[in-house]
Amino acid sequence: MALRKVVRIDEEKCDGCGECVTGCAEGAIAVIDGKARLVSETYCDGLGACLAHCPQDAITVEEREAAGSTRPRRRNT
């Protein structure tokens, strides 16, 4: 595993609204049992697009040991 940026979701703050799910273009977040969860750290690109969608400020980006991305990076054209 490599040291890289991945989102962290604070379950205490999360109200399960699901806004972060639609904000995550990578499909790394899902609402499970009423709380947002990072379902795949390999899909998380660590850019934090989901942060702006969370009205509870329950999402942060942290640098930690995590499996590398298995998805190809999108290129800006």
Foldseek 3Di string as FASTA:
>chain_A
DDWDKFKDFAQVQFQLPCQLCVQQPQNQWDRDPRGIDRNARLSGPNPPSSQVRGPRSRMDMDTDDDDHHPDDDDDDD
